[in-house]
Amino acid sequence: MSWYEIESGKRLHSVALPSYPHEFVTDRANRNAWVGHYGVETSGHTGPGGHSLLQIDIEAGSLTRTIDLAPYNRIHGLQMDERDRLYALSEEKATLLVLDRPLTDEAPRRAVPSGGIKSHLFALTKDGATAYCMNLLSHTVTKVKPWDPLAVPVACHPGDKPEGYCLSGDERTLFVSNRWSQTLTAIDTEAMQVRQRSASRDDPTRIYRWDDEMLIVTNYGERSLSLVDPATLAEIDHIPMPARAIALSFDRERGLAFVSQDDDRVGIFDVRTRRFESYIATQREPDVSKVIRSAE
C-alpha cells in the first residue's frame, strides 16, 4: 500500500503487505484503513487465497495488526457504514462478515450467506442495513440483511457475470455492469427487479456514480471510459485510454477522477474537461485508491 503526492506524483511511502491485497476501505476520519487479503491475482485465478484483514494506521503509515478471518477466505469486497462498522465479503465461502468494532474486534461478530456463488463485491446502504452482493458464477445480484439473522437473500439476474455496482443517491436504484453480457442494468432495490437494461462497450468491469447526472463505466476489454446518463443508461461520452482501467476514486471538490490502470499508472481525469490531465507512476498493478487530505 503506497502514499503519493497528487501534484508531483512522488511516492511518499509504502507498506509491504502479503501478495495480492485487493480492496481497501477507510473509516470516516481517515485515520485507519483495512485491506482485504484476497491472496490470488484475479477472480479468474484458482486457489484458497488469503483469509485476513490488514489494519493500517494512515498517518503513521504502518501495518498495525492482522485480523484472521479463517475459515472465511478470498476476502475481496469491503465496505464501512456511517457508524464505522466494517463489512467484508468472503468470495470462496459466499459469506458477508461484519466487525462491529473493527479497531478492536479480533474476529467477525456476525456472518450472513450471500445467497450466490463466487460473491466478489457488494454495495452497502449508508446505514449498513442492506447489502447487494455481486455473484460472478451464479450470475446474480442478491439483497441481504446483515443485521437480520432471519432474512432470506433475494436474488435478481441482471446479466452474466455482474461485477461493477453503485447505488443511486437515494439508494432506490442499483446500477450494475455485467461483464459477459456486455450490458448495464438498473435494478429497483425494493422490488429487486431490473428496471432498465442497455448495451455497453466491451467488458464493463466497474461502474461509479459521479453524481445524479452521470455514471462512469470502465470498459476493460476496450481500454476506455464511458460516461453514462443514469436516467437512460445511454452513453454521454466515450474516452479512449492507453491502458485498461482497473478502478476509480473521486475528488469531487477538484472535479477529478483517479483511474488505476494496468500500465502501472494512475491517470488523473478531469471530469469537467473530460480529459486525462496527468499520470502518477505507481508500483505494480495499482488497484483501489482514495484521496486523503493532509491535516494541515
C-alpha atoms as a PDB file:
ATOM      1  CA  MET A   1       0.000   0.000   0.000  1.00  0.00           C
ATOM      2  CA  SER A   2       1.511   3.316  -1.053  1.00  0.00           C
ATOM      3  CA  TRP A   3       1.060   7.026  -0.438  1.00  0.00           C
ATOM      4  CA  TYR A   4       1.520   9.500  -3.322  1.00  0.00           C
ATOM      5  CA  GLU A   5       1.579  13.284  -3.550  1.00  0.00           C
ATOM      6  CA  ILE A   6      -1.041  14.240  -6.138  1.00  0.00           C
ATOM      7  CA  GLU A   7       0.598  17.366  -7.559  1.00  0.00           C
ATOM      8  CA  SER A   8       4.079  15.960  -8.079  1.00  0.00           C
ATOM      9  CA  GLY A   9       3.232  12.280  -8.401  1.00  0.00           C
ATOM     10  CA  LYS A  10       6.002  11.498  -5.924  1.00  0.00           C
ATOM     11  CA  ARG A  11       5.709   8.273  -3.971  1.00  0.00           C
ATOM     12  CA  LEU A  12       5.987   9.254  -0.319  1.00  0.00           C
ATOM     13  CA  HIS A  13       5.803   5.948   1.490  1.00  0.00           C
ATOM     14  CA  SER A  14       4.965   2.261   1.108  1.00  0.00           C
ATOM     15  CA  VAL A  15       3.946  -0.535   3.463  1.00  0.00           C
ATOM     16  CA  ALA A  16       4.705  -4.112   2.451  1.00  0.00           C
ATOM     17  CA  LEU A  17       1.689  -6.437   2.531  1.00  0.00           C
ATOM     18  CA  PRO A  18       1.153 -10.123   1.699  1.00  0.00           C
ATOM     19  CA  SER A  19       0.841 -10.936  -2.003  1.00  0.00           C
ATOM     20  CA  TYR A  20      -2.317  -9.783  -3.808  1.00  0.00           C
ATOM     21  CA  PRO A  21      -4.149  -7.463  -1.481  1.00  0.00           C
ATOM     22  CA  HIS A  22      -7.055  -6.023  -3.479  1.00  0.00           C
ATOM     23  CA  GLU A  23      -9.689  -3.773  -1.917  1.00  0.00           C
ATOM     24  CA  PHE A  24      -9.395  -1.370   1.000  1.00  0.00           C
ATOM     25  CA  VAL A  25     -11.699   0.958   2.964  1.00  0.00           C
ATOM     26  CA  THR A  26     -11.091   3.739   5.489  1.00  0.00           C
ATOM     27  CA  ASP A  27     -13.027   4.956   8.491  1.00  0.00           C
ATOM     28  CA  ARG A  28     -14.847   8.293   8.372  1.00  0.00           C
ATOM     29  CA  ALA A  29     -11.958  10.172   9.977  1.00  0.00           C
ATOM     30  CA  ASN A  30      -9.450   8.654   7.522  1.00  0.00           C
ATOM     31  CA  ARG A  31      -7.287   7.516  10.421  1.00  0.00           C
ATOM     32  CA  ASN A  32      -7.341   3.809   9.687  1.00  0.00           C
ATOM     33  CA  ALA A  33      -7.627   1.623   6.600  1.00  0.00           C
ATOM     34  CA  TRP A  34      -8.492  -2.059   6.327  1.00  0.00           C
ATOM     35  CA  VAL A  35      -7.159  -4.072   3.395  1.00  0.00           C
ATOM     36  CA  GLY A  36      -8.633  -7.386   2.328  1.00  0.00           C
ATOM     37  CA  HIS A  37      -6.106 -10.128   1.651  1.00  0.00           C
ATOM     38  CA  TYR A  38      -7.605 -11.723  -1.441  1.00  0.00           C
ATOM     39  CA  GLY A  39      -4.436 -13.726  -1.965  1.00  0.00           C
ATOM     40  CA  VAL A  40      -4.781 -14.527  -5.684  1.00  0.00           C
ATOM     41  CA  GLU A  41      -4.105 -12.314  -8.678  1.00  0.00           C
ATOM     42  CA  THR A  42      -7.618 -12.069 -10.160  1.00  0.00           C
ATOM     43  CA  SER A  43     -11.057 -13.622  -9.803  1.00  0.00           C
ATOM     44  CA  GLY A  44     -10.123 -15.940 -12.662  1.00  0.00           C
ATOM     45  CA  HIS A  45      -7.258 -17.498 -10.705  1.00  0.00           C
ATOM     46  CA  THR A  46      -7.848 -20.594  -8.597  1.00  0.00           C
ATOM     47  CA  GLY A  47      -6.588 -21.274  -5.108  1.00  0.00           C
ATOM     48  CA  PRO A  48      -7.652 -20.711  -1.496  1.00  0.00           C
ATOM     49  CA  GLY A  49      -6.266 -17.174  -1.396  1.00  0.00           C
ATOM     50  CA  GLY A  50      -5.990 -15.186   1.820  1.00  0.00           C
ATOM     51  CA  HIS A  51      -8.161 -15.094   4.936  1.00  0.00           C
ATOM     52  CA  SER A  52      -7.267 -11.900   6.765  1.00  0.00           C
ATOM     53  CA  LEU A  53      -7.850  -8.180   7.124  1.00  0.00           C
ATOM     54  CA  LEU A  54      -4.804  -5.927   7.353  1.00  0.00           C
ATOM     55  CA  GLN A  55      -5.243  -2.831   9.521  1.00  0.00           C
ATOM     56  CA  ILE A  56      -3.255   0.260   8.503  1.00  0.00           C
ATOM     57  CA  ASP A  57      -2.598   3.415  10.539  1.00  0.00           C
ATOM     58  CA  ILE A  58      -2.821   6.006   7.750  1.00  0.00           C
ATOM     59  CA  GLU A  59      -0.956   8.881   9.438  1.00  0.00           C
ATOM     60  CA  ALA A  60       1.813   6.662  10.783  1.00  0.00           C
ATOM     61  CA  GLY A  61       1.972   4.734   7.527  1.00  0.00           C
ATOM     62  CA  SER A  62       2.257   1.385   9.234  1.00  0.00           C
ATOM     63  CA  LEU A  63       0.603  -2.014   9.428  1.00  0.00           C
ATOM     64  CA  THR A  64      -0.761  -2.158  12.969  1.00  0.00           C
ATOM     65  CA  ARG A  65      -2.304  -5.624  13.075  1.00  0.00           C
ATOM     66  CA  THR A  66      -3.716  -8.559  11.119  1.00  0.00           C
ATOM     67  CA  ILE A  67      -7.219  -9.893  11.791  1.00  0.00           C
ATOM     68  CA  ASP A  68      -7.547 -13.585  10.957  1.00  0.00           C
ATOM     69  CA  LEU A  69     -10.935 -14.361   9.378  1.00  0.00           C
ATOM     70  CA  ALA A  70     -10.356 -18.089   8.785  1.00  0.00           C
ATOM     71  CA  PRO A  71     -12.091 -20.197   7.623  1.00  0.00           C
ATOM     72  CA  TYR A  72     -13.507 -17.372   5.501  1.00  0.00           C
ATOM     73  CA  ASN A  73     -11.106 -16.871   2.607  1.00  0.00           C
ATOM     74  CA  ARG A  74     -10.529 -14.922  -0.601  1.00  0.00           C
ATOM     75  CA  ILE A  75     -11.507 -11.689   1.169  1.00  0.00           C
ATOM     76  CA  HIS A  76     -12.415  -9.187  -1.511  1.00  0.00           C
ATOM     77  CA  GLY A  77     -15.343  -6.767  -1.222  1.00  0.00           C
ATOM     78  CA  LEU A  78     -15.027  -4.327   1.708  1.00  0.00           C
ATOM     79  CA  GLN A  79     -17.330  -1.542   2.924  1.00  0.00           C
ATOM     80  CA  MET A  80     -17.890   0.596   6.017  1.00  0.00           C
ATOM     81  CA  ASP A  81     -21.221   2.078   7.064  1.00  0.00           C
ATOM     82  CA  GLU A  82     -21.916   5.505   8.572  1.00  0.00           C
ATOM     83  CA  ARG A  83     -21.179   4.124  12.043  1.00  0.00           C
ATOM     84  CA  ASP A  84     -17.730   2.809  11.023  1.00  0.00           C
ATOM     85  CA  ARG A  85     -18.783  -0.822  11.186  1.00  0.00           C
ATOM     86  CA  LEU A  86     -16.728  -2.944   8.810  1.00  0.00           C
ATOM     87  CA  TYR A  87     -18.171  -5.432   6.295  1.00  0.00           C
ATOM     88  CA  ALA A  88     -16.003  -7.959   4.427  1.00  0.00           C
ATOM     89  CA  LEU A  89     -17.045 -10.454   1.751  1.00  0.00           C
ATOM     90  CA  SER A  90     -15.559 -13.941   1.512  1.00  0.00           C
ATOM     91  CA  GLU A  91     -15.718 -14.877  -2.163  1.00  0.00           C
ATOM     92  CA  GLU A  92     -14.917 -18.547  -1.564  1.00  0.00           C
ATOM     93  CA  LYS A  93     -17.443 -19.036   1.247  1.00  0.00           C
ATOM     94  CA  ALA A  94     -20.035 -16.638  -0.258  1.00  0.00           C
ATOM     95  CA  THR A  95     -20.450 -15.074   3.156  1.00  0.00           C
ATOM     96  CA  LEU A  96     -20.703 -11.462   4.305  1.00  0.00           C
ATOM     97  CA  LEU A  97     -18.855 -10.845   7.571  1.00  0.00           C
ATOM     98  CA  VAL A  98     -19.367  -7.932   9.971  1.00  0.00           C
ATOM     99  CA  LEU A  99     -16.937  -6.471  12.504  1.00  0.00           C
ATOM    100  CA  ASP A 100     -18.942  -4.170  14.786  1.00  0.00           C
ATOM    101  CA  ARG A 101     -15.816  -2.571  16.299  1.00  0.00           C
ATOM    102  CA  PRO A 102     -13.058  -3.118  13.756  1.00  0.00           C
ATOM    103  CA  LEU A 103     -10.436  -1.248  15.782  1.00  0.00           C
ATOM    104  CA  THR A 104     -10.572  -3.902  18.483  1.00  0.00           C
ATOM    105  CA  ASP A 105     -12.513  -6.914  17.165  1.00  0.00           C
ATOM    106  CA  GLU A 106     -10.329  -9.995  16.742  1.00  0.00           C
ATOM    107  CA  ALA A 107     -12.919 -11.865  14.669  1.00  0.00           C
ATOM    108  CA  PRO A 108     -16.273 -11.217  12.947  1.00  0.00           C
ATOM    109  CA  ARG A 109     -19.249 -10.719  15.241  1.00  0.00           C
ATOM    110  CA  ARG A 110     -21.778 -11.891  12.673  1.00  0.00           C
ATOM    111  CA  ALA A 111     -21.940 -13.569   9.263  1.00  0.00           C
ATOM    112  CA  VAL A 112     -24.726 -13.988   6.725  1.00  0.00           C
ATOM    113  CA  PRO A 113     -24.808 -16.020   3.488  1.00  0.00           C
ATOM    114  CA  SER A 114     -24.692 -14.008   0.281  1.00  0.00           C
ATOM    115  CA  GLY A 115     -27.215 -16.261  -1.456  1.00  0.00           C
ATOM    116  CA  GLY A 116     -24.974 -16.529  -4.528  1.00  0.00           C
ATOM    117  CA  ILE A 117     -21.809 -18.222  -5.759  1.00  0.00           C
ATOM    118  CA  LYS A 118     -18.396 -16.528  -6.063  1.00  0.00           C
ATOM    119  CA  SER A 119     -19.526 -13.361  -4.308  1.00  0.00           C
ATOM    120  CA  HIS A 120     -16.926 -10.796  -5.349  1.00  0.00           C
ATOM    121  CA  LEU A 121     -18.098  -7.292  -4.473  1.00  0.00           C
ATOM    122  CA  PHE A 122     -21.082  -5.667  -2.785  1.00  0.00           C
ATOM    123  CA  ALA A 123     -22.880  -2.359  -2.420  1.00  0.00           C
ATOM    124  CA  LEU A 124     -23.889  -1.238   1.065  1.00  0.00           C
ATOM    125  CA  THR A 125     -26.532   1.223   2.162  1.00  0.00           C
ATOM    126  CA  LYS A 126     -25.269   4.079   4.322  1.00  0.00           C
ATOM    127  CA  ASP A 127     -26.846   2.648   7.468  1.00  0.00           C
ATOM    128  CA  GLY A 128     -25.478  -0.829   6.778  1.00  0.00           C
ATOM    129  CA  ALA A 129     -28.924  -2.422   6.946  1.00  0.00           C
ATOM    130  CA  THR A 130     -28.807  -3.798   3.388  1.00  0.00           C
ATOM    131  CA  ALA A 131     -26.069  -5.158   1.146  1.00  0.00           C
ATOM    132  CA  TYR A 132     -26.260  -6.101  -2.530  1.00  0.00           C
ATOM    133  CA  CYS A 133     -23.783  -8.870  -3.461  1.00  0.00           C
ATOM    134  CA  MET A 134     -22.341  -9.311  -6.957  1.00  0.00           C
ATOM    135  CA  ASN A 135     -22.135 -13.070  -7.561  1.00  0.00           C
ATOM    136  CA  LEU A 136     -19.862 -13.811 -10.511  1.00  0.00           C
ATOM    137  CA  LEU A 137     -20.583 -17.501 -11.002  1.00  0.00           C
ATOM    138  CA  SER A 138     -24.306 -17.672 -10.238  1.00  0.00           C
ATOM    139  CA  HIS A 139     -24.815 -14.516 -12.362  1.00  0.00           C
ATOM    140  CA  THR A 140     -26.994 -12.915  -9.708  1.00  0.00           C
ATOM    141  CA  VAL A 141     -27.224  -9.864  -7.533  1.00  0.00           C
ATOM    142  CA  THR A 142     -28.595 -10.704  -4.083  1.00  0.00           C
ATOM    143  CA  LYS A 143     -30.072  -8.428  -1.441  1.00  0.00           C
ATOM    144  CA  VAL A 144     -29.062  -9.447   2.073  1.00  0.00           C
ATOM    145  CA  LYS A 145     -29.745  -8.008   5.529  1.00  0.00           C
ATOM    146  CA  PRO A 146     -26.571  -8.274   7.647  1.00  0.00           C
ATOM    147  CA  TRP A 147     -28.354  -7.350  10.888  1.00  0.00           C
ATOM    148  CA  ASP A 148     -31.421  -9.564  10.440  1.00  0.00           C
ATOM    149  CA  PRO A 149     -30.499 -13.190  11.206  1.00  0.00           C
ATOM    150  CA  LEU A 150     -33.770 -14.494   9.746  1.00  0.00           C
ATOM    151  CA  ALA A 151     -33.738 -12.556   6.469  1.00  0.00           C
ATOM    152  CA  VAL A 152     -33.503 -14.662   3.309  1.00  0.00           C
ATOM    153  CA  PRO A 153     -31.387 -13.357   0.398  1.00  0.00           C
ATOM    154  CA  VAL A 154     -33.446 -12.070  -2.533  1.00  0.00           C
ATOM    155  CA  ALA A 155     -31.917 -12.675  -5.972  1.00  0.00           C
ATOM    156  CA  CYS A 156     -32.078 -10.818  -9.263  1.00  0.00           C
ATOM    157  CA  HIS A 157     -30.468 -11.787 -12.581  1.00  0.00           C
ATOM    158  CA  PRO A 158     -29.161  -8.569 -14.184  1.00  0.00           C
ATOM    159  CA  GLY A 159     -26.942 -10.276 -16.758  1.00  0.00           C
ATOM    160  CA  ASP A 160     -23.959 -12.600 -16.985  1.00  0.00           C
ATOM    161  CA  LYS A 161     -21.031 -12.014 -14.598  1.00  0.00           C
ATOM    162  CA  PRO A 162     -22.294  -8.933 -12.754  1.00  0.00           C
ATOM    163  CA  GLU A 163     -19.322  -7.228 -11.144  1.00  0.00           C
ATOM    164  CA  GLY A 164     -19.445  -3.426 -11.101  1.00  0.00           C
ATOM    165  CA  TYR A 165     -22.023  -1.661  -8.940  1.00  0.00           C
ATOM    166  CA  CYS A 166     -23.116   1.663  -7.490  1.00  0.00           C
ATOM    167  CA  LEU A 167     -26.195   2.868  -5.669  1.00  0.00           C
ATOM    168  CA  SER A 168     -28.135   5.965  -6.635  1.00  0.00           C
ATOM    169  CA  GLY A 169     -28.103   8.863  -4.199  1.00  0.00           C
ATOM    170  CA  ASP A 170     -31.495   7.874  -2.779  1.00  0.00           C
ATOM    171  CA  GLU A 171     -30.468   4.180  -2.704  1.00  0.00           C
ATOM    172  CA  ARG A 172     -33.584   3.195  -4.642  1.00  0.00           C
ATOM    173  CA  THR A 173     -31.631   2.084  -7.710  1.00  0.00           C
ATOM    174  CA  LEU A 174     -28.643  -0.211  -8.003  1.00  0.00           C
ATOM    175  CA  PHE A 175     -26.619   0.173 -11.201  1.00  0.00           C
ATOM    176  CA  VAL A 176     -24.714  -2.944 -12.284  1.00  0.00           C
ATOM    177  CA  SER A 177     -22.210  -3.658 -15.055  1.00  0.00           C
ATOM    178  CA  ASN A 178     -22.364  -7.193 -16.490  1.00  0.00           C
ATOM    179  CA  ARG A 179     -19.043  -8.237 -17.984  1.00  0.00           C
ATOM    180  CA  TRP A 180     -20.027 -11.252 -20.086  1.00  0.00           C
ATOM    181  CA  SER A 181     -23.366  -9.863 -21.233  1.00  0.00           C
ATOM    182  CA  GLN A 182     -21.742  -6.506 -22.057  1.00  0.00           C
ATOM    183  CA  THR A 183     -24.701  -4.695 -20.554  1.00  0.00           C
ATOM    184  CA  LEU A 184     -25.550  -2.114 -17.915  1.00  0.00           C
ATOM    185  CA  THR A 185     -28.645  -2.590 -15.785  1.00  0.00           C
ATOM    186  CA  ALA A 186     -30.631  -0.507 -13.327  1.00  0.00           C
ATOM    187  CA  ILE A 187     -32.254  -2.564 -10.559  1.00  0.00           C
ATOM    188  CA  ASP A 188     -35.166  -1.409  -8.423  1.00  0.00           C
ATOM    189  CA  THR A 189     -33.767  -2.151  -4.952  1.00  0.00           C
ATOM    190  CA  GLU A 190     -37.191  -2.529  -3.331  1.00  0.00           C
ATOM    191  CA  ALA A 191     -38.608  -4.997  -5.863  1.00  0.00           C
ATOM    192  CA  MET A 192     -35.200  -6.476  -6.846  1.00  0.00           C
ATOM    193  CA  GLN A 193     -36.206  -6.370 -10.486  1.00  0.00           C
ATOM    194  CA  VAL A 194     -34.371  -4.977 -13.491  1.00  0.00           C
ATOM    195  CA  ARG A 195     -35.952  -1.653 -14.392  1.00  0.00           C
ATOM    196  CA  GLN A 196     -33.710  -0.842 -17.346  1.00  0.00           C
ATOM    197  CA  ARG A 197     -31.044  -2.510 -19.447  1.00  0.00           C
ATOM    198  CA  SER A 198     -28.654  -1.105 -22.055  1.00  0.00           C
ATOM    199  CA  ALA A 199     -25.818  -2.452 -24.191  1.00  0.00           C
ATOM    200  CA  SER A 200     -22.332  -1.456 -23.044  1.00  0.00           C
ATOM    201  CA  ARG A 201     -18.912  -1.446 -24.599  1.00  0.00           C
ATOM    202  CA  ASP A 202     -16.537  -4.410 -24.303  1.00  0.00           C
ATOM    203  CA  ASP A 203     -16.151  -5.937 -20.816  1.00  0.00           C
ATOM    204  CA  PRO A 204     -17.547  -3.275 -18.469  1.00  0.00           C
ATOM    205  CA  THR A 205     -15.839  -4.150 -15.184  1.00  0.00           C
ATOM    206  CA  ARG A 206     -16.881  -1.333 -12.849  1.00  0.00           C
ATOM    207  CA  ILE A 207     -19.495   1.418 -12.667  1.00  0.00           C
ATOM    208  CA  TYR A 208     -19.317   4.507 -10.436  1.00  0.00           C
ATOM    209  CA  ARG A 209     -21.698   7.325  -9.541  1.00  0.00           C
ATOM    210  CA  TRP A 210     -20.173  10.736 -10.118  1.00  0.00           C
ATOM    211  CA  ASP A 211     -23.463  12.473  -9.303  1.00  0.00           C
ATOM    212  CA  ASP A 212     -27.171  12.175 -10.070  1.00  0.00           C
ATOM    213  CA  GLU A 213     -26.494  13.197 -13.674  1.00  0.00           C
ATOM    214  CA  MET A 214     -23.606  10.924 -14.610  1.00  0.00           C
ATOM    215  CA  LEU A 215     -22.137   7.468 -14.110  1.00  0.00           C
ATOM    216  CA  ILE A 216     -18.624   6.425 -15.148  1.00  0.00           C
ATOM    217  CA  VAL A 217     -18.028   2.916 -16.524  1.00  0.00           C
ATOM    218  CA  THR A 218     -14.643   1.245 -17.003  1.00  0.00           C
ATOM    219  CA  ASN A 219     -14.517  -0.775 -20.230  1.00  0.00           C
ATOM    220  CA  TYR A 220     -11.702  -3.214 -19.552  1.00  0.00           C
ATOM    221  CA  GLY A 221     -11.840  -5.026 -22.868  1.00  0.00           C
ATOM    222  CA  GLU A 222     -11.862  -1.856 -24.939  1.00  0.00           C
ATOM    223  CA  ARG A 223      -9.472   0.265 -22.836  1.00  0.00           C
ATOM    224  CA  SER A 224     -11.822   3.163 -22.349  1.00  0.00           C
ATOM    225  CA  LEU A 225     -14.210   5.006 -20.064  1.00  0.00           C
ATOM    226  CA  SER A 226     -17.879   5.598 -20.796  1.00  0.00           C
ATOM    227  CA  LEU A 227     -19.797   8.489 -19.282  1.00  0.00           C
ATOM    228  CA  VAL A 228     -23.397   7.340 -18.885  1.00  0.00           C
ATOM    229  CA  ASP A 229     -26.737   9.006 -18.180  1.00  0.00           C
ATOM    230  CA  PRO A 230     -28.220   7.209 -15.130  1.00  0.00           C
ATOM    231  CA  ALA A 231     -31.777   8.007 -16.238  1.00  0.00           C
ATOM    232  CA  THR A 232     -31.469   6.182 -19.573  1.00  0.00           C
ATOM    233  CA  LEU A 233     -28.157   4.239 -19.324  1.00  0.00           C
ATOM    234  CA  ALA A 234     -27.240   5.875 -22.629  1.00  0.00           C
ATOM    235  CA  GLU A 235     -23.621   6.833 -23.250  1.00  0.00           C
ATOM    236  CA  ILE A 236     -22.962  10.570 -22.943  1.00  0.00           C
ATOM    237  CA  ASP A 237     -19.304  10.470 -23.903  1.00  0.00           C
ATOM    238  CA  HIS A 238     -16.544   7.965 -24.614  1.00  0.00           C
ATOM    239  CA  ILE A 239     -12.893   8.412 -23.610  1.00  0.00           C
ATOM    240  CA  PRO A 240     -10.293   6.068 -25.172  1.00  0.00           C
ATOM    241  CA  MET A 241      -7.371   5.129 -22.922  1.00  0.00           C
ATOM    242  CA  PRO A 242      -3.819   3.865 -23.492  1.00  0.00           C
ATOM    243  CA  ALA A 243      -4.348   1.075 -20.939  1.00  0.00           C
ATOM    244  CA  ARG A 244      -7.124  -0.815 -19.169  1.00  0.00           C
ATOM    245  CA  ALA A 245      -8.887   0.896 -16.294  1.00  0.00           C
ATOM    246  CA  ILE A 246      -8.944  -1.193 -13.099  1.00  0.00           C
ATOM    247  CA  ALA A 247     -10.667   1.038 -10.542  1.00  0.00           C
ATOM    248  CA  LEU A 248     -11.630   4.674  -9.859  1.00  0.00           C
ATOM    249  CA  SER A 249     -11.765   7.064  -6.958  1.00  0.00           C
ATOM    250  CA  PHE A 250     -13.034  10.648  -6.909  1.00  0.00           C
ATOM    251  CA  ASP A 251     -12.048  14.054  -5.605  1.00  0.00           C
ATOM    252  CA  ARG A 252     -15.304  15.854  -6.259  1.00  0.00           C
ATOM    253  CA  GLU A 253     -14.077  19.158  -4.861  1.00  0.00           C
ATOM    254  CA  ARG A 254     -11.433  19.332  -7.572  1.00  0.00           C
ATOM    255  CA  GLY A 255     -13.596  17.626 -10.190  1.00  0.00           C
ATOM    256  CA  LEU A 256     -11.128  14.774 -10.640  1.00  0.00           C
ATOM    257  CA  ALA A 257     -11.263  11.008 -11.029  1.00  0.00           C
ATOM    258  CA  PHE A 258      -8.179   8.915 -10.254  1.00  0.00           C
ATOM    259  CA  VAL A 259      -8.107   5.954 -12.628  1.00  0.00           C
ATOM    260  CA  SER A 260      -5.893   2.995 -11.729  1.00  0.00           C
ATOM    261  CA  GLN A 261      -4.512   1.436 -14.927  1.00  0.00           C
ATOM    262  CA  ASP A 262      -2.843  -1.824 -15.853  1.00  0.00           C
ATOM    263  CA  ASP A 263       0.247   0.008 -17.177  1.00  0.00           C
ATOM    264  CA  ASP A 264       1.287   0.768 -13.574  1.00  0.00           C
ATOM    265  CA  ARG A 265      -0.038   4.314 -13.554  1.00  0.00           C
ATOM    266  CA  VAL A 266      -2.937   6.240 -12.079  1.00  0.00           C
ATOM    267  CA  GLY A 267      -4.474   8.618 -14.599  1.00  0.00           C
ATOM    268  CA  ILE A 268      -5.824  11.934 -13.294  1.00  0.00           C
ATOM    269  CA  PHE A 269      -9.022  12.528 -15.258  1.00  0.00           C
ATOM    270  CA  ASP A 270     -10.689  15.949 -15.210  1.00  0.00           C
ATOM    271  CA  VAL A 271     -14.404  15.162 -15.254  1.00  0.00           C
ATOM    272  CA  ARG A 272     -15.326  18.689 -16.367  1.00  0.00           C
ATOM    273  CA  THR A 273     -12.980  18.867 -19.369  1.00  0.00           C
ATOM    274  CA  ARG A 274     -13.251  15.086 -19.919  1.00  0.00           C
ATOM    275  CA  ARG A 275      -9.517  14.777 -20.422  1.00  0.00           C
ATOM    276  CA  PHE A 276      -6.656  12.995 -18.700  1.00  0.00           C
ATOM    277  CA  GLU A 277      -4.507  15.828 -17.377  1.00  0.00           C
ATOM    278  CA  SER A 278      -1.570  13.852 -15.958  1.00  0.00           C
ATOM    279  CA  TYR A 279      -0.418  10.476 -14.654  1.00  0.00           C
ATOM    280  CA  ILE A 280       1.172   9.150 -11.480  1.00  0.00           C
ATOM    281  CA  ALA A 281       3.657   6.296 -11.893  1.00  0.00           C
ATOM    282  CA  THR A 282       2.936   3.567  -9.327  1.00  0.00           C
ATOM    283  CA  GLN A 283       4.297   0.225  -8.311  1.00  0.00           C
ATOM    284  CA  ARG A 284       2.959  -2.928  -9.928  1.00  0.00           C
ATOM    285  CA  GLU A 285      -0.785  -3.257 -10.586  1.00  0.00           C
ATOM    286  CA  PRO A 286      -2.432  -0.316  -8.798  1.00  0.00           C
ATOM    287  CA  ASP A 287      -5.989  -1.066  -7.715  1.00  0.00           C
ATOM    288  CA  VAL A 288      -8.194   0.835  -5.252  1.00  0.00           C
ATOM    289  CA  SER A 289      -7.232   4.418  -4.369  1.00  0.00           C
ATOM    290  CA  LYS A 290      -8.544   7.214  -2.156  1.00  0.00           C
ATOM    291  CA  VAL A 291      -7.701  10.890  -1.768  1.00  0.00           C
ATOM    292  CA  ILE A 292      -6.708  11.759   1.816  1.00  0.00           C
ATOM    293  CA  ARG A 293      -6.153  15.424   2.580  1.00  0.00           C
ATOM    294  CA  SER A 294      -3.392  16.353   4.988  1.00  0.00           C
ATOM    295  CA  ALA A 295      -4.319  17.662   8.430  1.00  0.00           C
ATOM    296  CA  GLU A 296      -2.607  20.996   7.748  1.00  0.00           C
END
